[in-house]
Amino acid sequence: MEVRFVASEGAGSHGTLYAGRRKTTVKDRKKEIGKGLLSKMLADLGIDRNDF
């Protein structure tokens, strides 16, 4: 699976993370994210949290 991050596809400190055909928005990359946002991002990418 191809994974890539495109910083130019987002406003300010946001960007887009692609994993295969799926994508999610990555918010401020300098800050930690909460459990809820992490869960949403993993769901957007079709990744099961238990795979970690």
N, C-alpha and C. Protein backbone atom coordinates (compact mmCIF):
# COMPACT_ATOMS: atom_id res chain seq x y z
N MET A 1 0.84 -1.16 0.00
CA MET A 1 0.00 0.00 0.00
C MET A 1 0.90 1.24 0.00
N GLU A 2 0.59 2.16 -0.86
CA GLU A 2 1.32 3.42 -0.90
C GLU A 2 0.79 4.34 0.18
N VAL A 3 1.69 4.92 0.95
CA VAL A 3 1.32 5.90 1.98
C VAL A 3 2.11 7.17 1.71
N ARG A 4 1.40 8.30 1.68
CA ARG A 4 2.10 9.57 1.45
C ARG A 4 1.37 10.70 2.16
N PHE A 5 2.12 11.72 2.48
CA PHE A 5 1.57 12.90 3.15
C PHE A 5 1.80 14.09 2.23
N VAL A 6 0.74 14.90 2.04
CA VAL A 6 0.84 16.07 1.17
C VAL A 6 0.49 17.30 2.01
N ALA A 7 1.53 18.04 2.40
CA ALA A 7 1.33 19.21 3.25
C ALA A 7 0.59 20.32 2.53
N SER A 8 0.74 20.41 1.22
CA SER A 8 0.12 21.50 0.46
C SER A 8 -1.39 21.32 0.30
N GLU A 9 -1.91 20.15 0.65
CA GLU A 9 -3.36 19.91 0.56
C GLU A 9 -4.01 20.12 1.92
N GLY A 10 -3.87 21.31 2.42
CA GLY A 10 -4.47 21.66 3.70
C GLY A 10 -4.14 23.10 4.02
N ALA A 11 -5.00 23.70 4.80
CA ALA A 11 -4.79 25.11 5.17
C ALA A 11 -3.89 25.19 6.40
N GLY A 12 -3.00 26.16 6.40
CA GLY A 12 -2.14 26.37 7.56
C GLY A 12 -1.29 25.17 7.86
N SER A 13 -1.45 24.62 9.06
CA SER A 13 -0.62 23.49 9.49
C SER A 13 -1.28 22.14 9.19
N HIS A 14 -2.39 22.15 8.44
CA HIS A 14 -3.08 20.92 8.08
C HIS A 14 -2.46 20.31 6.82
N GLY A 15 -2.70 19.04 6.63
CA GLY A 15 -2.26 18.35 5.43
C GLY A 15 -3.14 17.14 5.21
N THR A 16 -2.88 16.40 4.14
CA THR A 16 -3.65 15.22 3.82
C THR A 16 -2.74 14.00 3.81
N LEU A 17 -3.18 12.95 4.50
CA LEU A 17 -2.46 11.69 4.55
C LEU A 17 -3.23 10.69 3.71
N TYR A 18 -2.54 10.09 2.73
CA TYR A 18 -3.13 9.10 1.86
C TYR A 18 -2.57 7.73 2.21
N ALA A 19 -3.45 6.74 2.27
CA ALA A 19 -3.05 5.35 2.46
C ALA A 19 -3.85 4.54 1.44
N GLY A 20 -3.18 4.16 0.36
CA GLY A 20 -3.90 3.50 -0.73
C GLY A 20 -4.86 4.49 -1.36
N ARG A 21 -6.11 4.10 -1.47
CA ARG A 21 -7.14 4.97 -2.06
C ARG A 21 -7.86 5.83 -1.03
N ARG A 22 -7.53 5.65 0.24
CA ARG A 22 -8.20 6.40 1.31
C ARG A 22 -7.36 7.58 1.74
N LYS A 23 -8.03 8.54 2.38
CA LYS A 23 -7.32 9.72 2.87
C LYS A 23 -7.96 10.25 4.14
N THR A 24 -7.18 11.02 4.87
CA THR A 24 -7.67 11.70 6.06
C THR A 24 -6.93 13.01 6.21
N THR A 25 -7.53 13.94 6.92
CA THR A 25 -6.88 15.22 7.18
C THR A 25 -6.07 15.12 8.46
N VAL A 26 -4.84 15.60 8.38
CA VAL A 26 -3.98 15.65 9.56
C VAL A 26 -3.97 17.09 10.02
N LYS A 27 -4.41 17.30 11.24
CA LYS A 27 -4.47 18.65 11.79
C LYS A 27 -3.08 19.11 12.20
N ASP A 28 -2.97 20.11 13.00
CA ASP A 28 -1.70 20.70 13.40
C ASP A 28 -0.69 19.61 13.76
N ARG A 29 0.32 19.44 12.93
CA ARG A 29 1.29 18.34 13.10
C ARG A 29 2.25 18.58 14.26
N LYS A 30 2.21 19.72 14.87
CA LYS A 30 3.11 20.02 15.99
C LYS A 30 2.48 19.70 17.33
N LYS A 31 1.20 19.29 17.33
CA LYS A 31 0.48 19.01 18.57
C LYS A 31 0.07 17.55 18.61
N GLU A 32 -0.13 17.03 19.82
CA GLU A 32 -0.67 15.68 19.97
C GLU A 32 -2.14 15.68 19.62
N ILE A 33 -2.64 14.52 19.19
CA ILE A 33 -4.07 14.40 18.91
C ILE A 33 -4.69 13.51 19.97
N GLY A 34 -5.97 13.71 20.19
CA GLY A 34 -6.68 12.93 21.18
C GLY A 34 -7.12 11.57 20.65
N LYS A 35 -7.61 10.73 21.54
CA LYS A 35 -8.05 9.38 21.17
C LYS A 35 -9.18 9.40 20.15
N GLY A 36 -10.11 10.33 20.34
CA GLY A 36 -11.25 10.41 19.43
C GLY A 36 -10.84 10.75 18.01
N LEU A 37 -9.96 11.75 17.88
CA LEU A 37 -9.50 12.14 16.55
C LEU A 37 -8.67 11.02 15.92
N LEU A 38 -7.83 10.37 16.72
CA LEU A 38 -7.05 9.25 16.21
C LEU A 38 -7.97 8.15 15.69
N SER A 39 -9.01 7.84 16.42
CA SER A 39 -9.96 6.81 16.00
C SER A 39 -10.63 7.18 14.69
N LYS A 40 -11.00 8.45 14.54
CA LYS A 40 -11.63 8.92 13.30
C LYS A 40 -10.65 8.81 12.13
N MET A 41 -9.41 9.22 12.35
CA MET A 41 -8.42 9.18 11.28
C MET A 41 -8.15 7.74 10.85
N LEU A 42 -8.03 6.83 11.81
CA LEU A 42 -7.83 5.42 11.47
C LEU A 42 -9.02 4.86 10.71
N ALA A 43 -10.23 5.23 11.11
CA ALA A 43 -11.43 4.79 10.40
C ALA A 43 -11.43 5.33 8.97
N ASP A 44 -11.07 6.60 8.80
CA ASP A 44 -10.99 7.20 7.46
C ASP A 44 -10.06 6.40 6.56
N LEU A 45 -8.97 5.90 7.15
CA LEU A 45 -7.95 5.18 6.38
C LEU A 45 -8.22 3.67 6.30
N GLY A 46 -9.26 3.21 6.99
CA GLY A 46 -9.58 1.79 6.97
C GLY A 46 -8.60 0.95 7.75
N ILE A 47 -8.02 1.51 8.80
CA ILE A 47 -7.03 0.82 9.61
C ILE A 47 -7.66 0.45 10.95
N ASP A 48 -7.53 -0.81 11.34
CA ASP A 48 -8.07 -1.27 12.62
C ASP A 48 -7.08 -0.89 13.72
N ARG A 49 -7.57 -0.26 14.76
CA ARG A 49 -6.72 0.18 15.86
C ARG A 49 -5.96 -0.99 16.49
N ASN A 50 -6.53 -2.18 16.46
CA ASN A 50 -5.89 -3.35 17.04
C ASN A 50 -4.69 -3.85 16.23
N ASP A 51 -4.49 -3.30 15.06
CA ASP A 51 -3.34 -3.69 14.23
C ASP A 51 -2.04 -3.10 14.75
N PHE A 52 -2.13 -2.24 15.75
CA PHE A 52 -0.91 -1.62 16.28
C PHE A 52 -0.43 -2.45 17.42
